[in-house]
Amino acid sequence: ALTLVLASLIPFAIPIGIYLIMGVRGKDLLRK
């Protein structure tokens, strides 16, 4: 059950990770 919950959170974690790691370039990528 925990693996299911964690899988459901990954689609949130990916944009947040891009935002934190890539900075301005990440914001541009997310907008696209």
PDB file of all heavy atoms in Angstrom:
ATOM      1  N   ALA A   1       0.829  -1.204   0.000  1.00  0.00           N
ATOM      2  CA  ALA A   1       0.000   0.000   0.000  1.00  0.00           C
ATOM      3  C   ALA A   1       0.864   1.255   0.000  1.00  0.00           C
ATOM      4  O   ALA A   1       0.542   2.247  -0.668  1.00  0.00           O
ATOM      5  CB  ALA A   1      -0.919  -0.008   1.220  1.00  0.00           C
ATOM      6  N   LEU A   2       1.975   1.212   0.730  1.00  0.00           N
ATOM      7  CA  LEU A   2       2.868   2.365   0.778  1.00  0.00           C
ATOM      8  C   LEU A   2       3.467   2.650  -0.595  1.00  0.00           C
ATOM      9  O   LEU A   2       3.621   3.818  -0.981  1.00  0.00           O
ATOM     10  CB  LEU A   2       3.981   2.122   1.798  1.00  0.00           C
ATOM     11  CG  LEU A   2       4.974   3.276   1.993  1.00  0.00           C
ATOM     12  CD1 LEU A   2       4.260   4.530   2.467  1.00  0.00           C
ATOM     13  CD2 LEU A   2       6.056   2.869   2.996  1.00  0.00           C
ATOM     14  N   THR A   3       3.786   1.606  -1.348  1.00  0.00           N
ATOM     15  CA  THR A   3       4.331   1.819  -2.697  1.00  0.00           C
ATOM     16  C   THR A   3       3.308   2.529  -3.588  1.00  0.00           C
ATOM     17  O   THR A   3       3.677   3.337  -4.443  1.00  0.00           O
ATOM     18  CB  THR A   3       4.758   0.501  -3.363  1.00  0.00           C
ATOM     19  OG1 THR A   3       3.616  -0.341  -3.587  1.00  0.00           O
ATOM     20  CG2 THR A   3       5.780  -0.239  -2.514  1.00  0.00           C
ATOM     21  N   LEU A   4       2.026   2.224  -3.396  1.00  0.00           N
ATOM     22  CA  LEU A   4       0.990   2.895  -4.178  1.00  0.00           C
ATOM     23  C   LEU A   4       0.921   4.377  -3.833  1.00  0.00           C
ATOM     24  O   LEU A   4       0.817   5.239  -4.717  1.00  0.00           O
ATOM     25  CB  LEU A   4      -0.371   2.232  -3.923  1.00  0.00           C
ATOM     26  CG  LEU A   4      -0.551   0.805  -4.434  1.00  0.00           C
ATOM     27  CD1 LEU A   4      -1.894   0.245  -3.964  1.00  0.00           C
ATOM     28  CD2 LEU A   4      -0.472   0.747  -5.956  1.00  0.00           C
ATOM     29  N   VAL A   5       0.966   4.680  -2.528  1.00  0.00           N
ATOM     30  CA  VAL A   5       0.912   6.082  -2.096  1.00  0.00           C
ATOM     31  C   VAL A   5       2.123   6.846  -2.622  1.00  0.00           C
ATOM     32  O   VAL A   5       1.997   7.973  -3.118  1.00  0.00           O
ATOM     33  CB  VAL A   5       0.831   6.171  -0.561  1.00  0.00           C
ATOM     34  CG1 VAL A   5       0.880   7.629  -0.106  1.00  0.00           C
ATOM     35  CG2 VAL A   5      -0.450   5.517  -0.045  1.00  0.00           C
ATOM     36  N   LEU A   6       3.299   6.243  -2.528  1.00  0.00           N
ATOM     37  CA  LEU A   6       4.510   6.906  -3.008  1.00  0.00           C
ATOM     38  C   LEU A   6       4.459   7.125  -4.517  1.00  0.00           C
ATOM     39  O   LEU A   6       4.875   8.181  -5.018  1.00  0.00           O
ATOM     40  CB  LEU A   6       5.743   6.078  -2.636  1.00  0.00           C
ATOM     41  CG  LEU A   6       6.070   6.011  -1.141  1.00  0.00           C
ATOM     42  CD1 LEU A   6       7.252   5.076  -0.898  1.00  0.00           C
ATOM     43  CD2 LEU A   6       6.359   7.394  -0.583  1.00  0.00           C
ATOM     44  N   ALA A   7       3.940   6.147  -5.250  1.00  0.00           N
ATOM     45  CA  ALA A   7       3.808   6.301  -6.701  1.00  0.00           C
ATOM     46  C   ALA A   7       2.901   7.474  -7.040  1.00  0.00           C
ATOM     47  O   ALA A   7       3.138   8.205  -8.012  1.00  0.00           O
ATOM     48  CB  ALA A   7       3.272   5.013  -7.319  1.00  0.00           C
ATOM     49  N   SER A   8       1.858   7.682  -6.235  1.00  0.00           N
ATOM     50  CA  SER A   8       0.924   8.780  -6.502  1.00  0.00           C
ATOM     51  C   SER A   8       1.554  10.144  -6.265  1.00  0.00           C
ATOM     52  O   SER A   8       1.051  11.163  -6.769  1.00  0.00           O
ATOM     53  CB  SER A   8      -0.330   8.630  -5.626  1.00  0.00           C
ATOM     54  OG  SER A   8      -0.052   8.972  -4.269  1.00  0.00           O
ATOM     55  N   LEU A   9       2.653  10.199  -5.502  1.00  0.00           N
ATOM     56  CA  LEU A   9       3.297  11.479  -5.192  1.00  0.00           C
ATOM     57  C   LEU A   9       4.385  11.865  -6.189  1.00  0.00           C
ATOM     58  O   LEU A   9       4.805  13.026  -6.242  1.00  0.00           O
ATOM     59  CB  LEU A   9       3.900  11.419  -3.780  1.00  0.00           C
ATOM     60  CG  LEU A   9       2.893  11.305  -2.637  1.00  0.00           C
ATOM     61  CD1 LEU A   9       3.622  11.193  -1.302  1.00  0.00           C
ATOM     62  CD2 LEU A   9       1.940  12.489  -2.615  1.00  0.00           C
ATOM     63  N   ILE A  10       4.856  10.913  -6.974  1.00  0.00           N
ATOM     64  CA  ILE A  10       5.945  11.198  -7.912  1.00  0.00           C
ATOM     65  C   ILE A  10       5.566  12.259  -8.950  1.00  0.00           C
ATOM     66  O   ILE A  10       6.394  13.125  -9.284  1.00  0.00           O
ATOM     67  CB  ILE A  10       6.420   9.894  -8.586  1.00  0.00           C
ATOM     68  CG1 ILE A  10       7.131   9.017  -7.548  1.00  0.00           C
ATOM     69  CG2 ILE A  10       7.355  10.191  -9.757  1.00  0.00           C
ATOM     70  CD1 ILE A  10       7.577   7.671  -8.076  1.00  0.00           C
ATOM     71  N   PRO A  11       4.326  12.268  -9.495  1.00  0.00           N
ATOM     72  CA  PRO A  11       3.982  13.328 -10.464  1.00  0.00           C
ATOM     73  C   PRO A  11       4.049  14.735  -9.873  1.00  0.00           C
ATOM     74  O   PRO A  11       4.189  15.705 -10.612  1.00  0.00           O
ATOM     75  CB  PRO A  11       2.545  12.984 -10.876  1.00  0.00           C
ATOM     76  CG  PRO A  11       2.397  11.540 -10.576  1.00  0.00           C
ATOM     77  CD  PRO A  11       3.232  11.294  -9.361  1.00  0.00           C
ATOM     78  N   PHE A  12       3.947  14.865  -8.552  1.00  0.00           N
ATOM     79  CA  PHE A  12       4.120  16.163  -7.897  1.00  0.00           C
ATOM     80  C   PHE A  12       5.608  16.458  -7.692  1.00  0.00           C
ATOM     81  O   PHE A  12       6.054  17.591  -7.837  1.00  0.00           O
ATOM     82  CB  PHE A  12       3.425  16.166  -6.533  1.00  0.00           C
ATOM     83  CG  PHE A  12       1.965  15.868  -6.568  1.00  0.00           C
ATOM     84  CD1 PHE A  12       1.498  14.573  -6.415  1.00  0.00           C
ATOM     85  CD2 PHE A  12       1.032  16.882  -6.754  1.00  0.00           C
ATOM     86  CE1 PHE A  12       0.145  14.291  -6.444  1.00  0.00           C
ATOM     87  CE2 PHE A  12      -0.323  16.614  -6.783  1.00  0.00           C
ATOM     88  CZ  PHE A  12      -0.770  15.311  -6.634  1.00  0.00           C
ATOM     89  N   ALA A  13       6.362  15.415  -7.335  1.00  0.00           N
ATOM     90  CA  ALA A  13       7.773  15.598  -6.999  1.00  0.00           C
ATOM     91  C   ALA A  13       8.609  16.001  -8.209  1.00  0.00           C
ATOM     92  O   ALA A  13       9.574  16.768  -8.068  1.00  0.00           O
ATOM     93  CB  ALA A  13       8.333  14.312  -6.386  1.00  0.00           C
ATOM     94  N   ILE A  14       8.257  15.509  -9.399  1.00  0.00           N
ATOM     95  CA  ILE A  14       9.063  15.805 -10.590  1.00  0.00           C
ATOM     96  C   ILE A  14       9.052  17.305 -10.924  1.00  0.00           C
ATOM     97  O   ILE A  14      10.129  17.912 -11.090  1.00  0.00           O
ATOM     98  CB  ILE A  14       8.601  14.956 -11.784  1.00  0.00           C
ATOM     99  CG1 ILE A  14       8.951  13.480 -11.528  1.00  0.00           C
ATOM    100  CG2 ILE A  14       9.252  15.444 -13.077  1.00  0.00           C
ATOM    101  CD1 ILE A  14       8.451  12.535 -12.601  1.00  0.00           C
ATOM    102  N   PRO A  15       7.881  17.968 -11.029  1.00  0.00           N
ATOM    103  CA  PRO A  15       7.919  19.419 -11.299  1.00  0.00           C
ATOM    104  C   PRO A  15       8.610  20.206 -10.186  1.00  0.00           C
ATOM    105  O   PRO A  15       9.340  21.163 -10.468  1.00  0.00           O
ATOM    106  CB  PRO A  15       6.434  19.800 -11.405  1.00  0.00           C
ATOM    107  CG  PRO A  15       5.734  18.535 -11.737  1.00  0.00           C
ATOM    108  CD  PRO A  15       6.498  17.458 -11.040  1.00  0.00           C
ATOM    109  N   ILE A  16       8.394  19.813  -8.934  1.00  0.00           N
ATOM    110  CA  ILE A  16       9.048  20.508  -7.824  1.00  0.00           C
ATOM    111  C   ILE A  16      10.564  20.341  -7.918  1.00  0.00           C
ATOM    112  O   ILE A  16      11.324  21.294  -7.694  1.00  0.00           O
ATOM    113  CB  ILE A  16       8.520  19.978  -6.475  1.00  0.00           C
ATOM    114  CG1 ILE A  16       7.048  20.372  -6.295  1.00  0.00           C
ATOM    115  CG2 ILE A  16       9.346  20.532  -5.318  1.00  0.00           C
ATOM    116  CD1 ILE A  16       6.389  19.784  -5.055  1.00  0.00           C
ATOM    117  N   GLY A  17      11.017  19.136  -8.264  1.00  0.00           N
ATOM    118  CA  GLY A  17      12.443  18.903  -8.424  1.00  0.00           C
ATOM    119  C   GLY A  17      13.043  19.728  -9.546  1.00  0.00           C
ATOM    120  O   GLY A  17      14.141  20.296  -9.404  1.00  0.00           O
ATOM    121  N   ILE A  18      12.332  19.811 -10.665  1.00  0.00           N
ATOM    122  CA  ILE A  18      12.803  20.633 -11.791  1.00  0.00           C
ATOM    123  C   ILE A  18      12.897  22.095 -11.368  1.00  0.00           C
ATOM    124  O   ILE A  18      13.864  22.801 -11.677  1.00  0.00           O
ATOM    125  CB  ILE A  18      11.862  20.472 -13.004  1.00  0.00           C
ATOM    126  CG1 ILE A  18      11.971  19.055 -13.575  1.00  0.00           C
ATOM    127  CG2 ILE A  18      12.175  21.517 -14.079  1.00  0.00           C
ATOM    128  CD1 ILE A  18      10.975  18.745 -14.666  1.00  0.00           C
ATOM    129  N   TYR A  19      11.900  22.564 -10.635  1.00  0.00           N
ATOM    130  CA  TYR A  19      11.862  23.945 -10.150  1.00  0.00           C
ATOM    131  C   TYR A  19      13.059  24.232  -9.248  1.00  0.00           C
ATOM    132  O   TYR A  19      13.697  25.293  -9.349  1.00  0.00           O
ATOM    133  CB  TYR A  19      10.559  24.166  -9.394  1.00  0.00           C
ATOM    134  CG  TYR A  19      10.386  25.535  -8.791  1.00  0.00           C
ATOM    135  CD1 TYR A  19       9.810  26.569  -9.519  1.00  0.00           C
ATOM    136  CD2 TYR A  19      10.776  25.794  -7.470  1.00  0.00           C
ATOM    137  CE1 TYR A  19       9.631  27.828  -8.960  1.00  0.00           C
ATOM    138  CE2 TYR A  19      10.613  27.042  -6.905  1.00  0.00           C
ATOM    139  CZ  TYR A  19      10.039  28.059  -7.651  1.00  0.00           C
ATOM    140  OH  TYR A  19       9.874  29.303  -7.103  1.00  0.00           O
ATOM    141  N   LEU A  20      13.399  23.301  -8.366  1.00  0.00           N
ATOM    142  CA  LEU A  20      14.486  23.512  -7.409  1.00  0.00           C
ATOM    143  C   LEU A  20      15.863  23.386  -8.050  1.00  0.00           C
ATOM    144  O   LEU A  20      16.778  24.149  -7.738  1.00  0.00           O
ATOM    145  CB  LEU A  20      14.369  22.506  -6.262  1.00  0.00           C
ATOM    146  CG  LEU A  20      13.205  22.706  -5.284  1.00  0.00           C
ATOM    147  CD1 LEU A  20      13.114  21.528  -4.318  1.00  0.00           C
ATOM    148  CD2 LEU A  20      13.373  24.011  -4.519  1.00  0.00           C
ATOM    149  N   ILE A  21      16.010  22.421  -8.949  1.00  0.00           N
ATOM    150  CA  ILE A  21      17.328  22.099  -9.490  1.00  0.00           C
ATOM    151  C   ILE A  21      17.724  23.001 -10.654  1.00  0.00           C
ATOM    152  O   ILE A  21      18.872  23.451 -10.757  1.00  0.00           O
ATOM    153  CB  ILE A  21      17.386  20.624  -9.923  1.00  0.00           C
ATOM    154  CG1 ILE A  21      17.228  19.720  -8.696  1.00  0.00           C
ATOM    155  CG2 ILE A  21      18.691  20.313 -10.646  1.00  0.00           C
ATOM    156  CD1 ILE A  21      17.034  18.252  -9.038  1.00  0.00           C
ATOM    157  N   MET A  22      16.771  23.295 -11.528  1.00  0.00           N
ATOM    158  CA  MET A  22      17.118  23.986 -12.783  1.00  0.00           C
ATOM    159  C   MET A  22      16.940  25.504 -12.725  1.00  0.00           C
ATOM    160  O   MET A  22      17.329  26.207 -13.662  1.00  0.00           O
ATOM    161  CB  MET A  22      16.289  23.416 -13.931  1.00  0.00           C
ATOM    162  CG  MET A  22      16.574  21.958 -14.228  1.00  0.00           C
ATOM    163  SD  MET A  22      15.627  21.335 -15.653  1.00  0.00           S
ATOM    164  CE  MET A  22      16.287  22.344 -16.982  1.00  0.00           C
ATOM    165  N   GLY A  23      16.346  26.022 -11.686  1.00  0.00           N
ATOM    166  CA  GLY A  23      16.220  27.470 -11.556  1.00  0.00           C
ATOM    167  C   GLY A  23      15.370  28.084 -12.657  1.00  0.00           C
ATOM    168  O   GLY A  23      14.280  27.600 -12.979  1.00  0.00           O
ATOM    169  N   VAL A  24      15.881  29.175 -13.277  1.00  0.00           N
ATOM    170  CA  VAL A  24      15.136  29.889 -14.314  1.00  0.00           C
ATOM    171  C   VAL A  24      14.836  28.981 -15.494  1.00  0.00           C
ATOM    172  O   VAL A  24      13.735  29.006 -16.057  1.00  0.00           O
ATOM    173  CB  VAL A  24      15.932  31.132 -14.785  1.00  0.00           C
ATOM    174  CG1 VAL A  24      15.211  31.800 -15.954  1.00  0.00           C
ATOM    175  CG2 VAL A  24      16.100  32.119 -13.636  1.00  0.00           C
ATOM    176  N   ARG A  25      15.821  28.176 -15.909  1.00  0.00           N
ATOM    177  CA  ARG A  25      15.589  27.242 -17.024  1.00  0.00           C
ATOM    178  C   ARG A  25      14.476  26.263 -16.692  1.00  0.00           C
ATOM    179  O   ARG A  25      13.698  25.875 -17.557  1.00  0.00           O
ATOM    180  CB  ARG A  25      16.876  26.492 -17.363  1.00  0.00           C
ATOM    181  CG  ARG A  25      17.932  27.344 -18.036  1.00  0.00           C
ATOM    182  CD  ARG A  25      19.082  26.492 -18.502  1.00  0.00           C
ATOM    183  NE  ARG A  25      19.693  25.779 -17.392  1.00  0.00           N
ATOM    184  CZ  ARG A  25      20.082  24.511 -17.427  1.00  0.00           C
ATOM    185  NH1 ARG A  25      19.917  23.812 -18.533  1.00  0.00           N
ATOM    186  NH2 ARG A  25      20.650  23.951 -16.380  1.00  0.00           N
ATOM    187  N   GLY A  26      14.416  25.857 -15.427  1.00  0.00           N
ATOM    188  CA  GLY A  26      13.359  24.950 -15.006  1.00  0.00           C
ATOM    189  C   GLY A  26      11.988  25.599 -15.106  1.00  0.00           C
ATOM    190  O   GLY A  26      11.025  24.960 -15.529  1.00  0.00           O
ATOM    191  N   LYS A  27      11.891  26.877 -14.752  1.00  0.00           N
ATOM    192  CA  LYS A  27      10.623  27.589 -14.854  1.00  0.00           C
ATOM    193  C   LYS A  27      10.159  27.683 -16.305  1.00  0.00           C
ATOM    194  O   LYS A  27       8.979  27.510 -16.609  1.00  0.00           O
ATOM    195  CB  LYS A  27      10.748  28.986 -14.245  1.00  0.00           C
ATOM    196  CG  LYS A  27      11.001  28.987 -12.746  1.00  0.00           C
ATOM    197  CD  LYS A  27      11.151  30.414 -12.218  1.00  0.00           C
ATOM    198  CE  LYS A  27      11.459  30.412 -10.729  1.00  0.00           C
ATOM    199  NZ  LYS A  27      11.645  31.783 -10.195  1.00  0.00           N
ATOM    200  N   ASP A  28      11.107  27.964 -17.194  1.00  0.00           N
ATOM    201  CA  ASP A  28      10.772  28.035 -18.621  1.00  0.00           C
ATOM    202  C   ASP A  28      10.295  26.677 -19.133  1.00  0.00           C
ATOM    203  O   ASP A  28       9.323  26.585 -19.901  1.00  0.00           O
ATOM    204  CB  ASP A  28      11.982  28.492 -19.437  1.00  0.00           C
ATOM    205  CG  ASP A  28      12.351  29.943 -19.164  1.00  0.00           C
ATOM    206  OD1 ASP A  28      11.469  30.694 -18.701  1.00  0.00           O
ATOM    207  OD2 ASP A  28      13.514  30.303 -19.396  1.00  0.00           O
ATOM    208  N   LEU A  29      10.977  25.615 -18.723  1.00  0.00           N
ATOM    209  CA  LEU A  29      10.594  24.269 -19.142  1.00  0.00           C
ATOM    210  C   LEU A  29       9.207  23.915 -18.628  1.00  0.00           C
ATOM    211  O   LEU A  29       8.378  23.374 -19.375  1.00  0.00           O
ATOM    212  CB  LEU A  29      11.619  23.257 -18.626  1.00  0.00           C
ATOM    213  CG  LEU A  29      11.285  21.765 -18.865  1.00  0.00           C
ATOM    214  CD1 LEU A  29      11.164  21.480 -20.363  1.00  0.00           C
ATOM    215  CD2 LEU A  29      12.348  20.883 -18.220  1.00  0.00           C
ATOM    216  N   LEU A  30       8.936  24.244 -17.373  1.00  0.00           N
ATOM    217  CA  LEU A  30       7.630  23.940 -16.798  1.00  0.00           C
ATOM    218  C   LEU A  30       6.516  24.710 -17.497  1.00  0.00           C
ATOM    219  O   LEU A  30       5.416  24.183 -17.691  1.00  0.00           O
ATOM    220  CB  LEU A  30       7.633  24.249 -15.296  1.00  0.00           C
ATOM    221  CG  LEU A  30       8.499  23.322 -14.422  1.00  0.00           C
ATOM    222  CD1 LEU A  30       8.520  23.817 -12.986  1.00  0.00           C
ATOM    223  CD2 LEU A  30       7.989  21.883 -14.482  1.00  0.00           C
ATOM    224  N   ARG A  31       6.792  25.954 -17.882  1.00  0.00           N
ATOM    225  CA  ARG A  31       5.780  26.735 -18.607  1.00  0.00           C
ATOM    226  C   ARG A  31       5.464  26.089 -19.960  1.00  0.00           C
ATOM    227  O   ARG A  31       4.304  26.034 -20.381  1.00  0.00           O
ATOM    228  CB  ARG A  31       6.258  28.177 -18.800  1.00  0.00           C
ATOM    229  CG  ARG A  31       6.052  29.071 -17.596  1.00  0.00           C
ATOM    230  CD  ARG A  31       6.228  30.528 -17.955  1.00  0.00           C
ATOM    231  NE  ARG A  31       7.632  30.848 -18.249  1.00  0.00           N
ATOM    232  CZ  ARG A  31       8.483  31.292 -17.342  1.00  0.00           C
ATOM    233  NH1 ARG A  31       8.100  31.458 -16.086  1.00  0.00           N
ATOM    234  NH2 ARG A  31       9.734  31.574 -17.684  1.00  0.00           N
ATOM    235  N   LYS A  32       6.507  25.596 -20.640  1.00  0.00           N
ATOM    236  CA  LYS A  32       6.288  24.943 -21.924  1.00  0.00           C
ATOM    237  C   LYS A  32       5.497  23.649 -21.748  1.00  0.00           C
ATOM    238  O   LYS A  32       4.596  23.353 -22.542  1.00  0.00           O
ATOM    239  CB  LYS A  32       7.638  24.649 -22.588  1.00  0.00           C
ATOM    240  CG  LYS A  32       8.381  25.900 -23.040  1.00  0.00           C
ATOM    241  CD  LYS A  32       9.737  25.549 -23.639  1.00  0.00           C
ATOM    242  CE  LYS A  32      10.486  26.801 -24.068  1.00  0.00           C
ATOM    243  NZ  LYS A  32      11.841  26.495 -24.593  1.00  0.00           N
TER     244      LYS A  32
END
